[in-house]
């Protein structure tokens, strides 16, 4: 009888462990990560994000920076230096980069980006507007990769794989759902510091990109505005006619 009771107890424990592991799937951790950023209603209400701040990289002075994400699949990044204003934009399946001499706007150059660059911009745009939600990223495959320690912090590791092999691997703190770091398929490491809270949603104050060769690029945001409406022509490919 004692043996049978022990066997039943062992089965019960195994059942509870398996049930717990099944419950803590990718959706469980995504929900926890989203809850850290804000309520479901606040996150789902975001249709555009407008960042302004500065970009700093080794050997280059700080550059005024503007980043816009707007649903669906629209992005515009503008870097301003004394010698050139560089704008990179995505409009659906079209992407382009324009460089203008601020001292003589008639001197400009436009480059249409290739398919791989378009895929990366599309993935980057939907990632920023979805707040990890698989429902918003319908073409993204999300996998739970297990537990790992990052800088002594117990984390869970998830991969977000987009069309064309664009991958964001994220490490979330298990206790809170806070994003500890992100890695891309090309070896870039991305960390976020500080926070700016806008209408109940947490955004980073600073984003630090570390390339595989160790170079750092730091973007510091002064302001974040959500749900502005931007005209379609701000993202559309500019006229290629001289002007």
C-alpha atoms as a PDB file:
ATOM      1  CA  UNK A   1       0.000   0.000   0.000  1.00  0.00           C
ATOM      2  CA  UNK A   2       2.823   2.380   0.829  1.00  0.00           C
ATOM      3  CA  UNK A   3       4.460   1.640  -2.502  1.00  0.00           C
ATOM      4  CA  UNK A   4       1.221   2.318  -4.349  1.00  0.00           C
ATOM      5  CA  UNK A   5       0.707   5.603  -2.512  1.00  0.00           C
ATOM      6  CA  UNK A   6       4.232   6.664  -3.413  1.00  0.00           C
ATOM      7  CA  UNK A   7       3.596   5.751  -7.053  1.00  0.00           C
ATOM      8  CA  UNK A   8       0.402   7.810  -7.125  1.00  0.00           C
ATOM      9  CA  UNK A   9       2.240  10.707  -5.496  1.00  0.00           C
ATOM     10  CA  UNK A  10       5.025  10.487  -8.069  1.00  0.00           C
ATOM     11  CA  UNK A  11       2.493  10.534 -10.891  1.00  0.00           C
ATOM     12  CA  UNK A  12       0.793  13.561  -9.363  1.00  0.00           C
ATOM     13  CA  UNK A  13       4.071  15.458  -9.074  1.00  0.00           C
ATOM     14  CA  UNK A  14       4.995  14.603 -12.647  1.00  0.00           C
ATOM     15  CA  UNK A  15       1.595  15.779 -13.849  1.00  0.00           C
ATOM     16  CA  UNK A  16       1.951  19.080 -12.014  1.00  0.00           C
ATOM     17  CA  UNK A  17       5.455  19.663 -13.365  1.00  0.00           C
ATOM     18  CA  UNK A  18       4.396  18.909 -16.932  1.00  0.00           C
ATOM     19  CA  UNK A  19       1.340  21.147 -16.592  1.00  0.00           C
ATOM     20  CA  UNK A  20       3.531  23.962 -15.301  1.00  0.00           C
ATOM     21  CA  UNK A  21       5.978  23.577 -18.193  1.00  0.00           C
ATOM     22  CA  UNK A  22       3.134  23.528 -20.697  1.00  0.00           C
ATOM     23  CA  UNK A  23       1.668  26.690 -19.210  1.00  0.00           C
ATOM     24  CA  UNK A  24       4.985  28.541 -19.417  1.00  0.00           C
ATOM     25  CA  UNK A  25       5.177  28.492 -23.200  1.00  0.00           C
ATOM     26  CA  UNK A  26       6.140  31.351 -25.537  1.00  0.00           C
ATOM     27  CA  UNK A  27       2.723  32.981 -25.162  1.00  0.00           C
ATOM     28  CA  UNK A  28       3.106  32.988 -21.393  1.00  0.00           C
ATOM     29  CA  UNK A  29       6.421  34.846 -21.519  1.00  0.00           C
ATOM     30  CA  UNK A  30       5.262  37.234 -24.228  1.00  0.00           C
ATOM     31  CA  UNK A  31       2.258  38.143 -22.095  1.00  0.00           C
ATOM     32  CA  UNK A  32       4.580  38.773 -19.145  1.00  0.00           C
ATOM     33  CA  UNK A  33       6.934  40.906 -21.246  1.00  0.00           C
ATOM     34  CA  UNK A  34       4.010  42.929 -22.601  1.00  0.00           C
ATOM     35  CA  UNK A  35       2.617  43.445 -19.108  1.00  0.00           C
ATOM     36  CA  UNK A  36       5.964  44.948 -18.094  1.00  0.00           C
ATOM     37  CA  UNK A  37       5.621  47.517 -20.900  1.00  0.00           C
ATOM     38  CA  UNK A  38       1.982  48.428 -20.276  1.00  0.00           C
ATOM     39  CA  UNK A  39      -1.592  47.227 -20.231  1.00  0.00           C
ATOM     40  CA  UNK A  40      -3.034  45.341 -23.201  1.00  0.00           C
ATOM     41  CA  UNK A  41      -5.339  48.239 -24.023  1.00  0.00           C
ATOM     42  CA  UNK A  42      -2.470  50.752 -23.964  1.00  0.00           C
ATOM     43  CA  UNK A  43      -0.182  48.595 -26.133  1.00  0.00           C
ATOM     44  CA  UNK A  44      -2.884  47.688 -28.644  1.00  0.00           C
ATOM     45  CA  UNK A  45      -3.785  51.366 -29.086  1.00  0.00           C
ATOM     46  CA  UNK A  46      -0.334  52.313 -30.425  1.00  0.00           C
ATOM     47  CA  UNK A  47      -0.441  52.931 -34.176  1.00  0.00           C
ATOM     48  CA  UNK A  48       2.612  55.162 -34.534  1.00  0.00           C
ATOM     49  CA  UNK A  49       5.730  56.026 -32.525  1.00  0.00           C
ATOM     50  CA  UNK A  50       7.768  59.200 -33.012  1.00  0.00           C
ATOM     51  CA  UNK A  51      11.198  59.322 -31.352  1.00  0.00           C
ATOM     52  CA  UNK A  52      13.473  62.370 -31.304  1.00  0.00           C
ATOM     53  CA  UNK A  53      16.949  62.434 -29.791  1.00  0.00           C
ATOM     54  CA  UNK A  54      20.599  62.020 -30.692  1.00  0.00           C
ATOM     55  CA  UNK A  55      22.798  59.281 -32.108  1.00  0.00           C
ATOM     56  CA  UNK A  56      26.374  58.897 -30.953  1.00  0.00           C
ATOM     57  CA  UNK A  57      29.030  56.534 -32.236  1.00  0.00           C
ATOM     58  CA  UNK A  58      32.768  56.321 -31.757  1.00  0.00           C
ATOM     59  CA  UNK A  59      34.669  59.141 -33.426  1.00  0.00           C
ATOM     60  CA  UNK A  60      31.545  61.012 -34.587  1.00  0.00           C
ATOM     61  CA  UNK A  61      29.832  63.918 -32.783  1.00  0.00           C
ATOM     62  CA  UNK A  62      26.244  63.480 -31.619  1.00  0.00           C
ATOM     63  CA  UNK A  63      23.763  63.658 -34.492  1.00  0.00           C
ATOM     64  CA  UNK A  64      20.163  64.880 -34.133  1.00  0.00           C
ATOM     65  CA  UNK A  65      17.991  61.857 -34.846  1.00  0.00           C
ATOM     66  CA  UNK A  66      14.324  61.359 -35.671  1.00  0.00           C
ATOM     67  CA  UNK A  67      12.704  57.921 -35.945  1.00  0.00           C
ATOM     68  CA  UNK A  68       9.108  57.287 -36.984  1.00  0.00           C
ATOM     69  CA  UNK A  69       7.250  53.987 -37.074  1.00  0.00           C
ATOM     70  CA  UNK A  70       3.700  53.940 -38.397  1.00  0.00           C
ATOM     71  CA  UNK A  71       1.368  51.017 -39.011  1.00  0.00           C
ATOM     72  CA  UNK A  72       1.323  49.280 -41.383  1.00  0.00           C
ATOM     73  CA  UNK A  73       4.959  48.901 -42.441  1.00  0.00           C
ATOM     74  CA  UNK A  74       6.044  52.511 -42.581  1.00  0.00           C
ATOM     75  CA  UNK A  75       9.308  53.756 -41.137  1.00  0.00           C
ATOM     76  CA  UNK A  76      11.413  56.897 -41.496  1.00  0.00           C
ATOM     77  CA  UNK A  77      14.799  57.610 -39.881  1.00  0.00           C
ATOM     78  CA  UNK A  78      16.528  60.969 -40.325  1.00  0.00           C
ATOM     79  CA  UNK A  79      20.097  61.701 -39.205  1.00  0.00           C
ATOM     80  CA  UNK A  80      21.287  65.302 -39.471  1.00  0.00           C
ATOM     81  CA  UNK A  81      24.927  66.353 -39.585  1.00  0.00           C
ATOM     82  CA  UNK A  82      26.555  69.596 -40.750  1.00  0.00           C
ATOM     83  CA  UNK A  83      27.596  67.923 -43.997  1.00  0.00           C
ATOM     84  CA  UNK A  84      24.648  65.685 -44.881  1.00  0.00           C
ATOM     85  CA  UNK A  85      21.026  64.968 -43.977  1.00  0.00           C
ATOM     86  CA  UNK A  86      20.407  61.253 -44.423  1.00  0.00           C
ATOM     87  CA  UNK A  87      16.868  59.864 -44.542  1.00  0.00           C
ATOM     88  CA  UNK A  88      16.076  56.149 -44.744  1.00  0.00           C
ATOM     89  CA  UNK A  89      12.442  55.161 -45.195  1.00  0.00           C
ATOM     90  CA  UNK A  90      10.119  52.229 -45.760  1.00  0.00           C
ATOM     91  CA  UNK A  91       6.740  52.381 -47.458  1.00  0.00           C
ATOM     92  CA  UNK A  92       5.210  48.922 -47.571  1.00  0.00           C
ATOM     93  CA  UNK A  93       7.467  46.969 -49.925  1.00  0.00           C
ATOM     94  CA  UNK A  94       9.462  50.007 -51.092  1.00  0.00           C
ATOM     95  CA  UNK A  95      12.487  51.372 -49.243  1.00  0.00           C
ATOM     96  CA  UNK A  96      14.888  54.156 -50.052  1.00  0.00           C
ATOM     97  CA  UNK A  97      17.666  56.361 -48.742  1.00  0.00           C
ATOM     98  CA  UNK A  98      18.187  60.008 -49.581  1.00  0.00           C
ATOM     99  CA  UNK A  99      21.265  62.105 -48.805  1.00  0.00           C
ATOM    100  CA  UNK A 100      21.077  65.883 -49.069  1.00  0.00           C
ATOM    101  CA  UNK A 101      23.682  68.594 -48.637  1.00  0.00           C
ATOM    102  CA  UNK A 102      22.106  70.922 -46.032  1.00  0.00           C
ATOM    103  CA  UNK A 103      24.091  73.875 -47.380  1.00  0.00           C
ATOM    104  CA  UNK A 104      22.880  73.248 -50.930  1.00  0.00           C
ATOM    105  CA  UNK A 105      19.630  71.209 -51.096  1.00  0.00           C
ATOM    106  CA  UNK A 106      19.983  70.893 -54.875  1.00  0.00           C
ATOM    107  CA  UNK A 107      22.808  68.444 -54.207  1.00  0.00           C
ATOM    108  CA  UNK A 108      21.129  65.171 -53.349  1.00  0.00           C
ATOM    109  CA  UNK A 109      21.301  61.457 -54.010  1.00  0.00           C
ATOM    110  CA  UNK A 110      18.584  58.790 -53.784  1.00  0.00           C
ATOM    111  CA  UNK A 111      19.228  55.051 -53.501  1.00  0.00           C
ATOM    112  CA  UNK A 112      16.527  52.397 -53.715  1.00  0.00           C
ATOM    113  CA  UNK A 113      17.179  49.639 -51.185  1.00  0.00           C
ATOM    114  CA  UNK A 114      17.340  45.994 -52.172  1.00  0.00           C
ATOM    115  CA  UNK A 115      14.991  43.171 -51.189  1.00  0.00           C
ATOM    116  CA  UNK A 116      17.040  42.060 -48.182  1.00  0.00           C
ATOM    117  CA  UNK A 117      17.136  45.604 -46.826  1.00  0.00           C
ATOM    118  CA  UNK A 118      13.384  45.921 -47.345  1.00  0.00           C
ATOM    119  CA  UNK A 119      12.770  42.703 -45.417  1.00  0.00           C
ATOM    120  CA  UNK A 120      14.901  43.921 -42.524  1.00  0.00           C
ATOM    121  CA  UNK A 121      13.117  47.279 -42.384  1.00  0.00           C
ATOM    122  CA  UNK A 122       9.732  45.581 -42.481  1.00  0.00           C
ATOM    123  CA  UNK A 123      10.709  43.252 -39.632  1.00  0.00           C
ATOM    124  CA  UNK A 124      12.126  46.155 -37.629  1.00  0.00           C
ATOM    125  CA  UNK A 125       8.952  48.193 -38.123  1.00  0.00           C
ATOM    126  CA  UNK A 126       6.497  45.495 -37.090  1.00  0.00           C
ATOM    127  CA  UNK A 127       8.713  44.543 -34.141  1.00  0.00           C
ATOM    128  CA  UNK A 128       8.623  48.093 -32.804  1.00  0.00           C
ATOM    129  CA  UNK A 129       4.858  48.434 -33.176  1.00  0.00           C
ATOM    130  CA  UNK A 130       3.823  44.948 -32.010  1.00  0.00           C
ATOM    131  CA  UNK A 131       5.417  44.901 -28.530  1.00  0.00           C
ATOM    132  CA  UNK A 132       6.286  41.196 -29.036  1.00  0.00           C
ATOM    133  CA  UNK A 133       2.715  40.173 -29.932  1.00  0.00           C
ATOM    134  CA  UNK A 134       2.549  37.212 -32.296  1.00  0.00           C
ATOM    135  CA  UNK A 135      -0.972  38.263 -33.269  1.00  0.00           C
ATOM    136  CA  UNK A 136       0.453  41.486 -34.725  1.00  0.00           C
ATOM    137  CA  UNK A 137       3.419  39.719 -36.384  1.00  0.00           C
ATOM    138  CA  UNK A 138       1.518  37.125 -38.371  1.00  0.00           C
ATOM    139  CA  UNK A 139       4.491  36.095 -40.549  1.00  0.00           C
ATOM    140  CA  UNK A 140       6.855  35.824 -37.563  1.00  0.00           C
ATOM    141  CA  UNK A 141       7.742  32.445 -36.038  1.00  0.00           C
ATOM    142  CA  UNK A 142       8.256  32.715 -32.277  1.00  0.00           C
ATOM    143  CA  UNK A 143      10.049  29.954 -30.355  1.00  0.00           C
ATOM    144  CA  UNK A 144      10.807  29.434 -26.690  1.00  0.00           C
ATOM    145  CA  UNK A 145      14.481  28.440 -26.397  1.00  0.00           C
ATOM    146  CA  UNK A 146      14.729  27.835 -22.672  1.00  0.00           C
ATOM    147  CA  UNK A 147      16.288  29.372 -19.586  1.00  0.00           C
ATOM    148  CA  UNK A 148      19.600  31.214 -19.505  1.00  0.00           C
ATOM    149  CA  UNK A 149      21.472  33.551 -17.163  1.00  0.00           C
ATOM    150  CA  UNK A 150      22.449  37.001 -18.472  1.00  0.00           C
ATOM    151  CA  UNK A 151      24.788  39.019 -16.249  1.00  0.00           C
ATOM    152  CA  UNK A 152      23.643  36.905 -13.319  1.00  0.00           C
ATOM    153  CA  UNK A 153      19.943  37.485 -14.064  1.00  0.00           C
ATOM    154  CA  UNK A 154      17.653  34.488 -14.604  1.00  0.00           C
ATOM    155  CA  UNK A 155      16.167  34.947 -18.069  1.00  0.00           C
ATOM    156  CA  UNK A 156      14.060  33.136 -20.606  1.00  0.00           C
ATOM    157  CA  UNK A 157      15.209  33.125 -24.232  1.00  0.00           C
ATOM    158  CA  UNK A 158      12.835  33.553 -27.195  1.00  0.00           C
ATOM    159  CA  UNK A 159      13.557  33.866 -30.902  1.00  0.00           C
ATOM    160  CA  UNK A 160      11.456  35.947 -33.326  1.00  0.00           C
ATOM    161  CA  UNK A 161      12.145  34.839 -36.911  1.00  0.00           C
ATOM    162  CA  UNK A 162      10.812  36.933 -39.787  1.00  0.00           C
ATOM    163  CA  UNK A 163      10.657  36.434 -43.551  1.00  0.00           C
ATOM    164  CA  UNK A 164      14.093  36.307 -45.144  1.00  0.00           C
ATOM    165  CA  UNK A 165      15.842  34.977 -42.048  1.00  0.00           C
ATOM    166  CA  UNK A 166      15.699  38.187 -40.029  1.00  0.00           C
ATOM    167  CA  UNK A 167      15.941  37.032 -36.400  1.00  0.00           C
ATOM    168  CA  UNK A 168      15.654  38.858 -33.096  1.00  0.00           C
ATOM    169  CA  UNK A 169      16.631  36.681 -30.121  1.00  0.00           C
ATOM    170  CA  UNK A 170      15.430  38.210 -26.878  1.00  0.00           C
ATOM    171  CA  UNK A 171      16.293  37.539 -23.262  1.00  0.00           C
ATOM    172  CA  UNK A 172      13.562  38.468 -20.771  1.00  0.00           C
ATOM    173  CA  UNK A 173      14.017  38.557 -17.010  1.00  0.00           C
ATOM    174  CA  UNK A 174      11.904  35.717 -15.641  1.00  0.00           C
ATOM    175  CA  UNK A 175      10.873  37.558 -12.492  1.00  0.00           C
ATOM    176  CA  UNK A 176       9.540  40.697 -14.197  1.00  0.00           C
ATOM    177  CA  UNK A 177       9.332  40.251 -17.979  1.00  0.00           C
ATOM    178  CA  UNK A 178      11.853  43.063 -18.453  1.00  0.00           C
ATOM    179  CA  UNK A 179      13.864  42.843 -21.690  1.00  0.00           C
ATOM    180  CA  UNK A 180      17.515  42.342 -20.694  1.00  0.00           C
ATOM    181  CA  UNK A 181      19.025  42.218 -24.186  1.00  0.00           C
ATOM    182  CA  UNK A 182      18.372  41.403 -27.844  1.00  0.00           C
ATOM    183  CA  UNK A 183      20.660  39.680 -30.342  1.00  0.00           C
ATOM    184  CA  UNK A 184      20.247  39.698 -34.120  1.00  0.00           C
ATOM    185  CA  UNK A 185      21.215  36.971 -36.571  1.00  0.00           C
ATOM    186  CA  UNK A 186      24.256  38.977 -37.673  1.00  0.00           C
ATOM    187  CA  UNK A 187      25.676  39.107 -34.148  1.00  0.00           C
ATOM    188  CA  UNK A 188      24.621  42.605 -33.105  1.00  0.00           C
ATOM    189  CA  UNK A 189      23.714  42.982 -29.425  1.00  0.00           C
ATOM    190  CA  UNK A 190      21.068  45.532 -28.417  1.00  0.00           C
ATOM    191  CA  UNK A 191      20.492  46.765 -24.880  1.00  0.00           C
ATOM    192  CA  UNK A 192      18.001  49.276 -23.524  1.00  0.00           C
ATOM    193  CA  UNK A 193      18.465  51.615 -20.560  1.00  0.00           C
ATOM    194  CA  UNK A 194      16.162  53.940 -18.647  1.00  0.00           C
ATOM    195  CA  UNK A 195      12.580  54.600 -19.569  1.00  0.00           C
ATOM    196  CA  UNK A 196      10.183  57.201 -20.916  1.00  0.00           C
ATOM    197  CA  UNK A 197       6.538  56.479 -20.074  1.00  0.00           C
ATOM    198  CA  UNK A 198       3.969  57.766 -22.575  1.00  0.00           C
ATOM    199  CA  UNK A 199       0.242  57.177 -22.048  1.00  0.00           C
ATOM    200  CA  UNK A 200       0.954  54.168 -19.860  1.00  0.00           C
ATOM    201  CA  UNK A 201       3.524  52.562 -22.201  1.00  0.00           C
ATOM    202  CA  UNK A 202       7.212  52.153 -21.338  1.00  0.00           C
ATOM    203  CA  UNK A 203       9.781  53.123 -23.968  1.00  0.00           C
ATOM    204  CA  UNK A 204      13.570  53.067 -23.550  1.00  0.00           C
ATOM    205  CA  UNK A 205      15.459  56.249 -22.789  1.00  0.00           C
ATOM    206  CA  UNK A 206      18.584  54.862 -24.423  1.00  0.00           C
ATOM    207  CA  UNK A 207      19.327  52.100 -26.941  1.00  0.00           C
ATOM    208  CA  UNK A 208      22.862  50.719 -27.208  1.00  0.00           C
ATOM    209  CA  UNK A 209      23.882  48.701 -30.269  1.00  0.00           C
ATOM    210  CA  UNK A 210      27.107  46.699 -30.110  1.00  0.00           C
ATOM    211  CA  UNK A 211      28.311  45.341 -33.432  1.00  0.00           C
ATOM    212  CA  UNK A 212      30.160  42.004 -33.733  1.00  0.00           C
ATOM    213  CA  UNK A 213      33.464  43.911 -33.950  1.00  0.00           C
ATOM    214  CA  UNK A 214      32.713  45.753 -30.699  1.00  0.00           C
ATOM    215  CA  UNK A 215      31.729  49.170 -32.075  1.00  0.00           C
ATOM    216  CA  UNK A 216      29.020  50.935 -30.078  1.00  0.00           C
ATOM    217  CA  UNK A 217      26.192  53.116 -31.357  1.00  0.00           C
ATOM    218  CA  UNK A 218      24.070  54.848 -28.717  1.00  0.00           C
ATOM    219  CA  UNK A 219      20.718  56.513 -29.386  1.00  0.00           C
ATOM    220  CA  UNK A 220      19.410  58.687 -26.557  1.00  0.00           C
ATOM    221  CA  UNK A 221      15.807  59.831 -26.799  1.00  0.00           C
ATOM    222  CA  UNK A 222      14.646  63.235 -25.575  1.00  0.00           C
ATOM    223  CA  UNK A 223      11.004  62.721 -26.485  1.00  0.00           C
ATOM    224  CA  UNK A 224       8.581  59.978 -27.513  1.00  0.00           C
ATOM    225  CA  UNK A 225       5.154  60.741 -28.974  1.00  0.00           C
ATOM    226  CA  UNK A 226       2.615  58.082 -29.928  1.00  0.00           C
ATOM    227  CA  UNK A 227      -0.309  58.040 -32.338  1.00  0.00           C
ATOM    228  CA  UNK A 228       0.587  61.057 -34.416  1.00  0.00           C
ATOM    229  CA  UNK A 229      -0.759  60.820 -37.958  1.00  0.00           C
ATOM    230  CA  UNK A 230       1.922  61.139 -40.625  1.00  0.00           C
ATOM    231  CA  UNK A 231       1.124  61.834 -44.266  1.00  0.00           C
ATOM    232  CA  UNK A 232       1.808  59.030 -46.723  1.00  0.00           C
ATOM    233  CA  UNK A 233       4.222  61.172 -48.744  1.00  0.00           C
ATOM    234  CA  UNK A 234       6.657  61.251 -45.811  1.00  0.00           C
ATOM    235  CA  UNK A 235       7.363  57.571 -46.478  1.00  0.00           C
ATOM    236  CA  UNK A 236       6.819  57.343 -50.241  1.00  0.00           C
ATOM    237  CA  UNK A 237       9.804  57.140 -52.587  1.00  0.00           C
ATOM    238  CA  UNK A 238      10.748  60.736 -53.516  1.00  0.00           C
ATOM    239  CA  UNK A 239      10.661  61.915 -57.078  1.00  0.00           C
ATOM    240  CA  UNK A 240      13.799  60.956 -58.951  1.00  0.00           C
ATOM    241  CA  UNK A 241      13.555  64.101 -61.081  1.00  0.00           C
ATOM    242  CA  UNK A 242      16.076  66.844 -60.428  1.00  0.00           C
ATOM    243  CA  UNK A 243      14.692  69.598 -58.225  1.00  0.00           C
END
